[in-house]
N, C-alpha and C. Protein backbone atom coordinates (compact mmCIF):
# COMPACT_ATOMS: atom_id res chain seq x y z
N UNK A 1 -24.67 13.01 11.48
CA UNK A 1 -23.41 12.66 10.88
C UNK A 1 -22.97 13.83 10.02
N UNK A 2 -21.69 14.24 10.11
CA UNK A 2 -21.19 15.36 9.33
C UNK A 2 -21.05 14.94 7.87
N UNK A 3 -21.03 15.90 6.94
CA UNK A 3 -20.85 15.55 5.52
C UNK A 3 -19.56 14.79 5.28
N UNK A 4 -18.47 15.16 5.99
CA UNK A 4 -17.20 14.45 5.81
C UNK A 4 -17.32 13.01 6.28
N UNK A 5 -17.93 12.79 7.43
CA UNK A 5 -18.10 11.43 7.94
C UNK A 5 -19.00 10.63 7.01
N UNK A 6 -20.04 11.29 6.48
CA UNK A 6 -20.94 10.61 5.55
C UNK A 6 -20.20 10.20 4.29
N UNK A 7 -19.32 11.09 3.77
CA UNK A 7 -18.53 10.75 2.59
C UNK A 7 -17.63 9.56 2.86
N UNK A 8 -17.02 9.52 4.05
CA UNK A 8 -16.15 8.39 4.39
C UNK A 8 -16.95 7.10 4.44
N UNK A 9 -18.11 7.14 5.06
CA UNK A 9 -18.95 5.95 5.16
C UNK A 9 -19.40 5.53 3.76
N UNK A 10 -19.84 6.50 2.95
CA UNK A 10 -20.27 6.19 1.58
C UNK A 10 -19.13 5.63 0.77
N UNK A 11 -17.95 6.22 0.89
CA UNK A 11 -16.78 5.73 0.17
C UNK A 11 -16.41 4.32 0.58
N UNK A 12 -16.46 4.04 1.87
CA UNK A 12 -16.14 2.70 2.36
C UNK A 12 -17.17 1.70 1.86
N UNK A 13 -18.44 2.09 1.87
CA UNK A 13 -19.49 1.19 1.37
C UNK A 13 -19.32 0.92 -0.11
N UNK A 14 -18.97 1.96 -0.87
CA UNK A 14 -18.74 1.79 -2.30
C UNK A 14 -17.57 0.86 -2.54
N UNK A 15 -16.49 1.00 -1.78
CA UNK A 15 -15.33 0.15 -1.93
C UNK A 15 -15.67 -1.30 -1.64
N UNK A 16 -16.40 -1.56 -0.58
CA UNK A 16 -16.80 -2.93 -0.24
C UNK A 16 -17.68 -3.50 -1.34
N UNK A 17 -18.62 -2.69 -1.86
CA UNK A 17 -19.49 -3.16 -2.94
C UNK A 17 -18.68 -3.45 -4.20
N UNK A 18 -17.70 -2.60 -4.51
CA UNK A 18 -16.86 -2.82 -5.69
C UNK A 18 -16.06 -4.10 -5.54
N UNK A 19 -15.49 -4.31 -4.38
CA UNK A 19 -14.71 -5.53 -4.15
C UNK A 19 -15.59 -6.76 -4.26
N UNK A 20 -16.78 -6.70 -3.70
CA UNK A 20 -17.68 -7.84 -3.77
C UNK A 20 -18.10 -8.12 -5.20
N UNK A 21 -18.38 -7.07 -5.96
CA UNK A 21 -18.79 -7.24 -7.35
C UNK A 21 -17.68 -7.82 -8.21
N UNK A 22 -16.44 -7.50 -7.85
CA UNK A 22 -15.30 -8.01 -8.62
C UNK A 22 -14.78 -9.31 -8.06
N UNK A 23 -15.44 -9.85 -7.08
CA UNK A 23 -14.99 -11.11 -6.49
C UNK A 23 -13.96 -10.91 -5.40
N UNK A 24 -13.71 -9.65 -5.01
CA UNK A 24 -12.74 -9.38 -3.97
C UNK A 24 -13.36 -9.56 -2.60
N UNK A 25 -12.52 -9.80 -1.63
CA UNK A 25 -12.95 -9.97 -0.26
C UNK A 25 -12.58 -8.71 0.51
N UNK A 26 -13.54 -7.99 1.11
CA UNK A 26 -13.20 -6.78 1.84
C UNK A 26 -12.18 -7.03 2.94
N UNK A 27 -12.07 -8.26 3.42
CA UNK A 27 -11.07 -8.56 4.44
C UNK A 27 -9.71 -8.78 3.82
N UNK A 28 -9.63 -8.88 2.49
CA UNK A 28 -8.35 -9.07 1.81
C UNK A 28 -8.13 -10.51 1.46
N UNK A 29 -7.15 -10.76 0.57
CA UNK A 29 -6.88 -12.13 0.17
C UNK A 29 -6.17 -12.89 1.27
N UNK A 30 -6.29 -14.19 1.24
CA UNK A 30 -5.54 -15.02 2.18
C UNK A 30 -4.07 -14.89 1.84
N UNK A 31 -3.21 -15.22 2.79
CA UNK A 31 -1.77 -15.10 2.59
C UNK A 31 -1.36 -15.84 1.32
N UNK A 32 -0.69 -15.13 0.42
CA UNK A 32 -0.20 -15.72 -0.80
C UNK A 32 -1.24 -15.94 -1.88
N UNK A 33 -2.48 -15.56 -1.64
CA UNK A 33 -3.55 -15.74 -2.61
C UNK A 33 -3.43 -14.69 -3.71
N UNK A 34 -3.57 -15.13 -4.94
CA UNK A 34 -3.49 -14.21 -6.06
C UNK A 34 -4.79 -13.44 -6.18
N UNK A 35 -4.68 -12.18 -6.53
CA UNK A 35 -5.85 -11.36 -6.81
C UNK A 35 -5.64 -10.70 -8.15
N UNK A 36 -6.71 -10.36 -8.81
CA UNK A 36 -6.63 -9.72 -10.11
C UNK A 36 -6.78 -8.22 -9.93
N UNK A 37 -5.74 -7.45 -10.28
CA UNK A 37 -5.86 -6.01 -10.19
C UNK A 37 -6.91 -5.53 -11.18
N UNK A 38 -7.73 -4.58 -10.75
CA UNK A 38 -8.74 -4.02 -11.62
C UNK A 38 -8.06 -3.29 -12.77
N UNK A 39 -8.65 -3.39 -13.94
CA UNK A 39 -8.11 -2.66 -15.08
C UNK A 39 -6.89 -3.31 -15.70
N UNK A 40 -6.50 -4.49 -15.27
CA UNK A 40 -5.32 -5.13 -15.84
C UNK A 40 -5.62 -6.56 -16.20
N UNK A 41 -4.66 -7.19 -16.86
CA UNK A 41 -4.81 -8.59 -17.18
C UNK A 41 -4.75 -9.40 -15.90
N UNK A 42 -5.24 -10.62 -15.94
CA UNK A 42 -5.23 -11.48 -14.77
C UNK A 42 -3.86 -12.09 -14.60
N UNK A 43 -2.96 -11.44 -13.85
CA UNK A 43 -1.63 -11.98 -13.68
C UNK A 43 -1.63 -13.13 -12.69
N UNK A 44 -0.68 -14.01 -12.85
CA UNK A 44 -0.54 -15.11 -11.90
C UNK A 44 0.29 -14.63 -10.72
N UNK A 45 0.07 -15.23 -9.58
CA UNK A 45 0.78 -14.81 -8.38
C UNK A 45 1.93 -15.74 -8.10
N UNK A 46 2.99 -15.15 -7.62
CA UNK A 46 4.14 -15.91 -7.16
C UNK A 46 4.45 -15.37 -5.78
N UNK A 47 4.03 -16.08 -4.75
CA UNK A 47 4.18 -15.58 -3.40
C UNK A 47 5.35 -16.24 -2.72
N UNK A 48 5.90 -15.53 -1.77
CA UNK A 48 6.96 -16.12 -0.99
C UNK A 48 7.54 -15.11 -0.04
N UNK A 49 8.39 -15.58 0.84
CA UNK A 49 9.03 -14.70 1.79
C UNK A 49 10.12 -13.93 1.10
N UNK A 50 10.21 -12.69 1.39
CA UNK A 50 11.25 -11.86 0.82
C UNK A 50 12.19 -11.39 1.92
N UNK A 51 12.38 -12.23 2.91
CA UNK A 51 13.20 -11.87 4.06
C UNK A 51 14.61 -11.47 3.65
N UNK A 52 15.16 -12.14 2.65
CA UNK A 52 16.51 -11.83 2.22
C UNK A 52 16.61 -10.42 1.66
N UNK A 53 15.52 -9.88 1.13
CA UNK A 53 15.57 -8.56 0.52
C UNK A 53 15.39 -7.44 1.54
N UNK A 54 14.96 -7.72 2.74
CA UNK A 54 14.63 -6.69 3.70
C UNK A 54 15.83 -5.95 4.30
N UNK A 55 16.97 -6.58 4.59
CA UNK A 55 18.02 -5.86 5.28
C UNK A 55 18.50 -4.59 4.60
N UNK A 56 18.47 -4.51 3.28
CA UNK A 56 18.90 -3.30 2.59
C UNK A 56 17.91 -2.99 1.48
N UNK A 57 17.72 -1.69 1.24
CA UNK A 57 16.79 -1.30 0.19
C UNK A 57 17.36 -1.69 -1.16
N UNK A 58 16.55 -2.33 -2.00
CA UNK A 58 16.99 -2.77 -3.32
C UNK A 58 17.12 -1.60 -4.27
N UNK A 59 18.23 -1.58 -4.97
CA UNK A 59 18.44 -0.51 -5.94
C UNK A 59 19.05 -1.10 -7.20
N UNK A 60 18.91 -0.37 -8.27
CA UNK A 60 19.57 -0.68 -9.52
C UNK A 60 20.43 0.52 -9.84
N UNK A 61 21.12 0.48 -10.95
CA UNK A 61 21.97 1.61 -11.34
C UNK A 61 21.14 2.87 -11.52
N UNK A 62 19.85 2.71 -11.89
CA UNK A 62 18.98 3.87 -12.13
C UNK A 62 18.10 4.23 -10.95
N UNK A 63 18.24 3.55 -9.81
CA UNK A 63 17.40 3.83 -8.65
C UNK A 63 16.82 2.55 -8.08
N UNK A 64 15.74 2.66 -7.32
CA UNK A 64 15.18 1.48 -6.67
C UNK A 64 14.57 0.50 -7.68
N UNK A 65 14.59 -0.77 -7.33
CA UNK A 65 13.98 -1.82 -8.14
C UNK A 65 12.56 -2.01 -7.64
N UNK A 66 11.59 -1.37 -8.31
CA UNK A 66 10.20 -1.39 -7.86
C UNK A 66 9.55 -2.75 -8.06
N UNK A 67 10.18 -3.65 -8.81
CA UNK A 67 9.61 -4.99 -8.96
C UNK A 67 9.83 -5.83 -7.71
N UNK A 68 10.63 -5.33 -6.78
CA UNK A 68 10.91 -6.00 -5.50
C UNK A 68 10.48 -5.09 -4.34
N UNK A 69 9.18 -4.94 -4.11
CA UNK A 69 8.74 -3.98 -3.09
C UNK A 69 9.25 -4.29 -1.68
N UNK A 70 9.55 -5.54 -1.38
CA UNK A 70 10.06 -5.86 -0.05
C UNK A 70 11.45 -5.27 0.19
N UNK A 71 12.14 -4.92 -0.90
CA UNK A 71 13.48 -4.35 -0.79
C UNK A 71 13.47 -2.82 -0.76
N UNK A 72 12.29 -2.21 -0.81
CA UNK A 72 12.22 -0.76 -0.87
C UNK A 72 12.27 -0.08 0.48
N UNK A 73 12.05 -0.84 1.55
CA UNK A 73 12.15 -0.30 2.91
C UNK A 73 13.10 -1.17 3.72
N UNK A 74 13.91 -0.52 4.54
CA UNK A 74 14.87 -1.26 5.36
C UNK A 74 14.29 -1.61 6.73
N UNK A 75 14.91 -2.56 7.39
CA UNK A 75 14.47 -2.94 8.74
C UNK A 75 14.51 -1.73 9.69
N UNK A 76 15.58 -0.91 9.68
CA UNK A 76 15.58 0.26 10.57
C UNK A 76 14.43 1.23 10.28
N UNK A 77 14.09 1.39 9.01
CA UNK A 77 12.97 2.27 8.66
C UNK A 77 11.65 1.69 9.17
N UNK A 78 11.49 0.38 9.03
CA UNK A 78 10.26 -0.28 9.49
C UNK A 78 10.18 -0.33 11.01
N UNK A 79 11.31 -0.24 11.69
CA UNK A 79 11.33 -0.26 13.16
C UNK A 79 10.63 0.96 13.75
N UNK A 80 10.35 1.98 12.93
CA UNK A 80 9.60 3.12 13.43
C UNK A 80 8.12 2.78 13.61
N UNK A 81 7.68 1.67 12.99
CA UNK A 81 6.30 1.22 13.10
C UNK A 81 6.17 0.06 14.08
N UNK A 82 7.13 -0.86 14.03
CA UNK A 82 7.06 -2.11 14.80
C UNK A 82 8.07 -2.14 15.93
N UNK A 83 7.68 -2.76 17.05
CA UNK A 83 8.65 -3.02 18.12
C UNK A 83 9.67 -4.04 17.63
N UNK A 84 9.17 -5.09 16.98
CA UNK A 84 10.01 -6.11 16.37
C UNK A 84 9.53 -6.27 14.93
N UNK A 85 10.39 -5.96 13.97
CA UNK A 85 9.99 -5.96 12.57
C UNK A 85 9.70 -7.40 12.12
N UNK A 86 8.48 -7.65 11.65
CA UNK A 86 8.14 -9.00 11.19
C UNK A 86 8.76 -9.30 9.83
N UNK A 87 8.83 -10.59 9.50
CA UNK A 87 9.31 -11.00 8.19
C UNK A 87 8.28 -10.59 7.14
N UNK A 88 8.72 -10.10 6.00
CA UNK A 88 7.78 -9.67 4.97
C UNK A 88 7.25 -10.84 4.15
N UNK A 89 6.10 -10.63 3.56
CA UNK A 89 5.54 -11.56 2.59
C UNK A 89 5.37 -10.79 1.29
N UNK A 90 6.06 -11.22 0.26
CA UNK A 90 6.00 -10.55 -1.03
C UNK A 90 5.21 -11.37 -2.03
N UNK A 91 4.49 -10.68 -2.89
CA UNK A 91 3.72 -11.34 -3.94
C UNK A 91 3.90 -10.55 -5.24
N UNK A 92 4.24 -11.26 -6.30
CA UNK A 92 4.31 -10.66 -7.63
C UNK A 92 3.09 -11.16 -8.39
N UNK A 93 2.27 -10.21 -8.86
CA UNK A 93 1.03 -10.55 -9.54
C UNK A 93 1.18 -10.56 -11.06
N UNK A 94 2.27 -10.09 -11.57
CA UNK A 94 2.49 -10.00 -13.01
C UNK A 94 3.20 -8.70 -13.33
N UNK A 95 3.43 -8.46 -14.60
CA UNK A 95 4.18 -7.28 -15.03
C UNK A 95 3.61 -5.99 -14.44
N UNK A 96 4.42 -5.32 -13.63
CA UNK A 96 4.03 -4.04 -13.06
C UNK A 96 3.23 -4.10 -11.78
N UNK A 97 2.83 -5.30 -11.32
CA UNK A 97 2.02 -5.44 -10.12
C UNK A 97 2.75 -6.31 -9.10
N UNK A 98 3.06 -5.74 -7.94
CA UNK A 98 3.73 -6.49 -6.88
C UNK A 98 3.36 -5.86 -5.55
N UNK A 99 3.56 -6.63 -4.48
CA UNK A 99 3.16 -6.14 -3.16
C UNK A 99 4.04 -6.79 -2.09
N UNK A 100 4.23 -6.06 -1.01
CA UNK A 100 4.93 -6.60 0.16
C UNK A 100 4.17 -6.18 1.40
N UNK A 101 4.00 -7.13 2.32
CA UNK A 101 3.28 -6.86 3.56
C UNK A 101 4.13 -7.29 4.75
N UNK A 102 4.26 -6.38 5.70
CA UNK A 102 4.86 -6.67 6.99
C UNK A 102 3.73 -6.54 8.00
N UNK A 103 3.44 -7.57 8.76
CA UNK A 103 2.36 -7.51 9.74
C UNK A 103 2.77 -8.27 10.99
N UNK A 104 2.59 -7.64 12.14
CA UNK A 104 2.93 -8.31 13.39
C UNK A 104 1.70 -8.97 14.01
N UNK A 105 1.89 -9.80 15.03
CA UNK A 105 0.75 -10.50 15.65
C UNK A 105 -0.31 -9.55 16.23
N UNK A 106 0.07 -8.33 16.58
CA UNK A 106 -0.88 -7.37 17.14
C UNK A 106 -1.73 -6.71 16.05
N UNK A 107 -1.41 -6.95 14.78
CA UNK A 107 -2.20 -6.37 13.70
C UNK A 107 -1.61 -5.11 13.09
N UNK A 108 -0.51 -4.61 13.65
CA UNK A 108 0.14 -3.46 13.02
C UNK A 108 0.70 -3.90 11.68
N UNK A 109 0.62 -3.02 10.68
CA UNK A 109 1.13 -3.46 9.39
C UNK A 109 1.62 -2.31 8.54
N UNK A 110 2.48 -2.69 7.59
CA UNK A 110 2.90 -1.83 6.49
C UNK A 110 2.65 -2.65 5.24
N UNK A 111 1.92 -2.09 4.28
CA UNK A 111 1.62 -2.75 3.01
C UNK A 111 2.09 -1.81 1.91
N UNK A 112 2.99 -2.30 1.06
CA UNK A 112 3.50 -1.50 -0.04
C UNK A 112 3.12 -2.20 -1.34
N UNK A 113 2.28 -1.55 -2.14
CA UNK A 113 1.80 -2.10 -3.40
C UNK A 113 2.36 -1.28 -4.55
N UNK A 114 2.85 -1.98 -5.57
CA UNK A 114 3.41 -1.36 -6.76
C UNK A 114 2.47 -1.67 -7.92
N UNK A 115 2.02 -0.63 -8.61
CA UNK A 115 1.10 -0.77 -9.75
C UNK A 115 1.52 0.21 -10.83
N UNK A 116 1.14 -0.05 -12.08
CA UNK A 116 1.41 0.95 -13.13
C UNK A 116 0.69 2.26 -12.78
N UNK A 117 1.29 3.40 -13.12
CA UNK A 117 0.67 4.69 -12.74
C UNK A 117 -0.73 4.88 -13.29
N UNK A 118 -1.01 4.34 -14.49
CA UNK A 118 -2.36 4.50 -15.04
C UNK A 118 -3.38 3.70 -14.22
N UNK A 119 -2.98 2.57 -13.65
CA UNK A 119 -3.87 1.81 -12.77
C UNK A 119 -4.04 2.51 -11.43
N UNK A 120 -2.97 3.12 -10.93
CA UNK A 120 -3.08 3.87 -9.67
C UNK A 120 -4.15 4.94 -9.82
N UNK A 121 -4.11 5.65 -10.94
CA UNK A 121 -5.09 6.72 -11.16
C UNK A 121 -6.49 6.17 -11.37
N UNK A 122 -6.63 5.24 -12.31
CA UNK A 122 -7.96 4.75 -12.71
C UNK A 122 -8.62 3.85 -11.67
N UNK A 123 -7.84 3.01 -11.02
CA UNK A 123 -8.41 2.00 -10.13
C UNK A 123 -8.46 2.40 -8.66
N UNK A 124 -7.70 3.41 -8.29
CA UNK A 124 -7.67 3.82 -6.89
C UNK A 124 -8.07 5.27 -6.72
N UNK A 125 -7.28 6.18 -7.28
CA UNK A 125 -7.53 7.61 -7.06
C UNK A 125 -8.90 8.03 -7.61
N UNK A 126 -9.24 7.57 -8.82
CA UNK A 126 -10.53 7.95 -9.43
C UNK A 126 -11.71 7.19 -8.82
N UNK A 127 -11.49 6.05 -8.20
CA UNK A 127 -12.58 5.21 -7.71
C UNK A 127 -12.88 5.35 -6.22
N UNK A 128 -11.89 5.72 -5.44
CA UNK A 128 -12.06 5.77 -3.99
C UNK A 128 -12.16 7.20 -3.50
N UNK A 129 -12.62 7.37 -2.28
CA UNK A 129 -12.73 8.69 -1.68
C UNK A 129 -11.34 9.13 -1.23
N UNK A 130 -10.67 9.89 -2.09
CA UNK A 130 -9.32 10.35 -1.81
C UNK A 130 -9.36 11.67 -1.04
N UNK A 131 -8.38 11.82 -0.19
CA UNK A 131 -8.19 13.06 0.55
C UNK A 131 -7.05 13.84 -0.08
N UNK A 132 -6.78 15.00 0.48
CA UNK A 132 -5.69 15.83 -0.02
C UNK A 132 -4.37 15.08 0.02
N UNK A 133 -3.40 15.61 -0.74
CA UNK A 133 -2.07 15.03 -0.83
C UNK A 133 -1.29 15.09 0.47
N UNK A 134 -0.14 14.48 0.42
CA UNK A 134 0.74 14.42 1.57
C UNK A 134 1.97 15.26 1.28
N UNK A 135 2.27 16.22 2.13
CA UNK A 135 3.45 17.04 1.96
C UNK A 135 4.67 16.14 1.92
N UNK A 136 5.47 16.31 0.89
CA UNK A 136 6.69 15.52 0.76
C UNK A 136 6.54 14.27 -0.09
N UNK A 137 5.31 13.96 -0.56
CA UNK A 137 5.12 12.78 -1.41
C UNK A 137 4.72 13.16 -2.83
N UNK A 138 4.86 14.40 -3.18
CA UNK A 138 4.60 14.81 -4.55
C UNK A 138 3.24 15.46 -4.74
N UNK A 139 3.14 16.24 -5.81
CA UNK A 139 1.94 17.03 -6.08
C UNK A 139 0.72 16.16 -6.35
N UNK A 140 0.87 14.99 -6.94
CA UNK A 140 -0.27 14.15 -7.26
C UNK A 140 -0.64 13.16 -6.18
N UNK A 141 0.01 13.25 -5.02
CA UNK A 141 -0.26 12.28 -3.95
C UNK A 141 -1.62 12.53 -3.30
N UNK A 142 -2.24 11.46 -2.85
CA UNK A 142 -3.50 11.53 -2.10
C UNK A 142 -3.44 10.50 -0.98
N UNK A 143 -4.37 10.61 -0.04
CA UNK A 143 -4.48 9.59 1.00
C UNK A 143 -5.90 9.03 1.01
N UNK A 144 -6.01 7.82 1.54
CA UNK A 144 -7.29 7.16 1.73
C UNK A 144 -7.38 6.72 3.19
N UNK A 145 -8.57 6.77 3.76
CA UNK A 145 -8.73 6.19 5.10
C UNK A 145 -8.66 4.66 4.98
N UNK A 146 -8.02 4.02 5.93
CA UNK A 146 -7.92 2.57 5.93
C UNK A 146 -6.69 2.09 5.19
N UNK A 147 -6.53 0.77 5.14
CA UNK A 147 -5.41 0.18 4.43
C UNK A 147 -5.90 -0.36 3.10
N UNK A 148 -5.31 0.17 2.03
CA UNK A 148 -5.69 -0.17 0.67
C UNK A 148 -4.48 -0.75 -0.04
N UNK A 149 -4.71 -1.82 -0.79
CA UNK A 149 -3.65 -2.43 -1.59
C UNK A 149 -4.26 -3.13 -2.77
N UNK A 150 -3.51 -3.98 -3.43
CA UNK A 150 -3.99 -4.71 -4.58
C UNK A 150 -5.05 -5.71 -4.11
N UNK A 151 -6.30 -5.43 -4.44
CA UNK A 151 -7.41 -6.30 -4.05
C UNK A 151 -7.75 -6.28 -2.57
N UNK A 152 -7.27 -5.26 -1.84
CA UNK A 152 -7.48 -5.20 -0.39
C UNK A 152 -7.97 -3.82 0.01
N UNK A 153 -8.96 -3.80 0.87
CA UNK A 153 -9.42 -2.56 1.51
C UNK A 153 -9.93 -2.93 2.89
N UNK A 154 -9.27 -2.39 3.91
CA UNK A 154 -9.65 -2.70 5.30
C UNK A 154 -9.74 -1.41 6.09
N UNK A 155 -10.51 -1.48 7.16
CA UNK A 155 -10.61 -0.35 8.09
C UNK A 155 -9.33 -0.26 8.92
N UNK A 156 -9.07 0.94 9.37
CA UNK A 156 -7.92 1.19 10.23
C UNK A 156 -6.69 1.53 9.42
N UNK A 157 -5.96 2.52 9.91
CA UNK A 157 -4.75 2.93 9.22
C UNK A 157 -5.00 4.00 8.18
N UNK A 158 -3.94 4.32 7.45
CA UNK A 158 -3.98 5.34 6.40
C UNK A 158 -3.16 4.81 5.22
N UNK A 159 -3.61 5.11 4.01
CA UNK A 159 -2.89 4.74 2.80
C UNK A 159 -2.57 5.99 2.01
N UNK A 160 -1.34 6.09 1.52
CA UNK A 160 -0.95 7.17 0.62
C UNK A 160 -0.76 6.58 -0.77
N UNK A 161 -1.25 7.28 -1.78
CA UNK A 161 -1.05 6.91 -3.18
C UNK A 161 -0.17 7.99 -3.80
N UNK A 162 0.93 7.58 -4.42
CA UNK A 162 1.85 8.52 -5.02
C UNK A 162 2.66 7.81 -6.10
N UNK A 163 3.43 8.57 -6.86
CA UNK A 163 4.27 7.97 -7.89
C UNK A 163 5.73 8.27 -7.61
N UNK A 164 6.56 7.34 -8.06
CA UNK A 164 8.01 7.50 -7.96
C UNK A 164 8.61 6.83 -9.19
N UNK A 165 9.43 7.56 -9.91
CA UNK A 165 10.10 7.01 -11.09
C UNK A 165 9.12 6.30 -12.03
N UNK A 166 8.03 6.95 -12.37
CA UNK A 166 7.01 6.40 -13.28
C UNK A 166 6.42 5.08 -12.79
N UNK A 167 6.31 4.95 -11.47
CA UNK A 167 5.72 3.77 -10.85
C UNK A 167 4.67 4.23 -9.86
N UNK A 168 3.49 3.60 -9.89
CA UNK A 168 2.44 3.92 -8.93
C UNK A 168 2.65 3.14 -7.64
N UNK A 169 2.51 3.81 -6.52
CA UNK A 169 2.71 3.19 -5.22
C UNK A 169 1.52 3.45 -4.30
N UNK A 170 1.13 2.42 -3.59
CA UNK A 170 0.17 2.52 -2.49
C UNK A 170 0.92 2.09 -1.24
N UNK A 171 1.03 2.98 -0.28
CA UNK A 171 1.73 2.68 0.96
C UNK A 171 0.74 2.82 2.10
N UNK A 172 0.42 1.69 2.74
CA UNK A 172 -0.55 1.68 3.84
C UNK A 172 0.16 1.40 5.14
N UNK A 173 -0.21 2.12 6.19
CA UNK A 173 0.36 1.91 7.52
C UNK A 173 -0.77 1.88 8.53
N UNK A 174 -0.70 0.88 9.39
CA UNK A 174 -1.66 0.77 10.51
C UNK A 174 -0.84 0.53 11.77
N UNK A 175 -0.87 1.52 12.67
CA UNK A 175 -0.18 1.40 13.95
C UNK A 175 -1.21 1.15 15.04
N UNK A 176 -0.79 0.57 16.13
CA UNK A 176 -1.71 0.33 17.23
C UNK A 176 -2.96 -0.39 16.75
N UNK A 177 -4.12 0.10 17.18
CA UNK A 177 -5.38 -0.53 16.76
C UNK A 177 -5.93 0.09 15.47
N UNK A 178 -5.16 0.99 14.86
CA UNK A 178 -5.57 1.58 13.59
C UNK A 178 -6.50 2.76 13.68
N UNK A 179 -6.74 3.27 14.89
CA UNK A 179 -7.67 4.38 15.05
C UNK A 179 -6.98 5.74 15.18
N UNK A 180 -5.65 5.76 15.27
CA UNK A 180 -4.91 7.01 15.39
C UNK A 180 -4.40 7.43 14.01
N UNK A 181 -5.28 8.10 13.24
CA UNK A 181 -4.93 8.48 11.87
C UNK A 181 -3.73 9.42 11.82
N UNK A 182 -3.55 10.24 12.82
CA UNK A 182 -2.42 11.16 12.83
C UNK A 182 -1.11 10.38 12.91
N UNK A 183 -1.03 9.42 13.81
CA UNK A 183 0.19 8.59 13.93
C UNK A 183 0.43 7.81 12.65
N UNK A 184 -0.63 7.26 12.07
CA UNK A 184 -0.49 6.50 10.83
C UNK A 184 -0.04 7.39 9.68
N UNK A 185 -0.59 8.61 9.59
CA UNK A 185 -0.21 9.54 8.54
C UNK A 185 1.26 9.95 8.68
N UNK A 186 1.72 10.16 9.89
CA UNK A 186 3.13 10.50 10.11
C UNK A 186 4.02 9.36 9.60
N UNK A 187 3.68 8.13 9.95
CA UNK A 187 4.49 6.99 9.52
C UNK A 187 4.44 6.81 8.00
N UNK A 188 3.27 6.95 7.40
CA UNK A 188 3.15 6.79 5.95
C UNK A 188 3.98 7.86 5.24
N UNK A 189 3.99 9.06 5.78
CA UNK A 189 4.77 10.15 5.20
C UNK A 189 6.26 9.87 5.29
N UNK A 190 6.73 9.48 6.47
CA UNK A 190 8.16 9.21 6.65
C UNK A 190 8.64 8.07 5.77
N UNK A 191 7.89 6.97 5.73
CA UNK A 191 8.29 5.83 4.91
C UNK A 191 8.21 6.17 3.42
N UNK A 192 7.17 6.89 3.01
CA UNK A 192 7.05 7.31 1.61
C UNK A 192 8.20 8.21 1.18
N UNK A 193 8.61 9.12 2.07
CA UNK A 193 9.73 10.00 1.76
C UNK A 193 11.02 9.22 1.60
N UNK A 194 11.19 8.15 2.39
CA UNK A 194 12.39 7.32 2.26
C UNK A 194 12.42 6.64 0.89
N UNK A 195 11.28 6.13 0.45
CA UNK A 195 11.22 5.50 -0.88
C UNK A 195 11.51 6.53 -1.97
N UNK A 196 10.90 7.70 -1.86
CA UNK A 196 11.12 8.75 -2.87
C UNK A 196 12.57 9.23 -2.89
N UNK A 197 13.22 9.28 -1.74
CA UNK A 197 14.60 9.76 -1.69
C UNK A 197 15.54 8.84 -2.48
N UNK A 198 15.18 7.58 -2.61
CA UNK A 198 16.00 6.63 -3.36
C UNK A 198 15.71 6.67 -4.85
N UNK A 199 14.60 7.29 -5.25
CA UNK A 199 14.22 7.27 -6.66
C UNK A 199 14.61 8.54 -7.40
N UNK A 200 15.33 9.40 -6.73
CA UNK A 200 15.73 10.68 -7.37
C UNK A 200 17.11 10.59 -7.93
């Protein structure tokens, strides 16, 4: 096994152990299930469909409304990942913590998690095996193998961690069966750039 492959395996094992120790499920929470973000207070979850927010990206006078992650990507943007864009499921975990997931029956998904920037750094970037940044997503951006979100870490796909307008973002994309990291990285980059373009 190469040192890089060993680091990935070690990092994945560490992540699973951390999730188990914190009561997290490596397979992720059930639909609408509240999870406690590491390093933060135990926020309550308010889950529901955010279908109404999907047709247009949500914005405020100062830029995107990061408290509504389902409104940060449009259906046409998501159509680059899905043949038929699924309805999103949004969950608000408390002040500064929210998530939106689009997943089709074949398992392809886009997961957009919003966290305070200090939690992004302490709970994800400092704890997981991060790779180099993504061109176009900012100097502090990194990627992780697999799909990572609030209380979720799964195999397959790629996740980018970056900040926009003083907000921490985890954007995970899994196309096909999740084994084509190049395709997933391209999609994560394009979708991340769309979010950043609205926050400037």
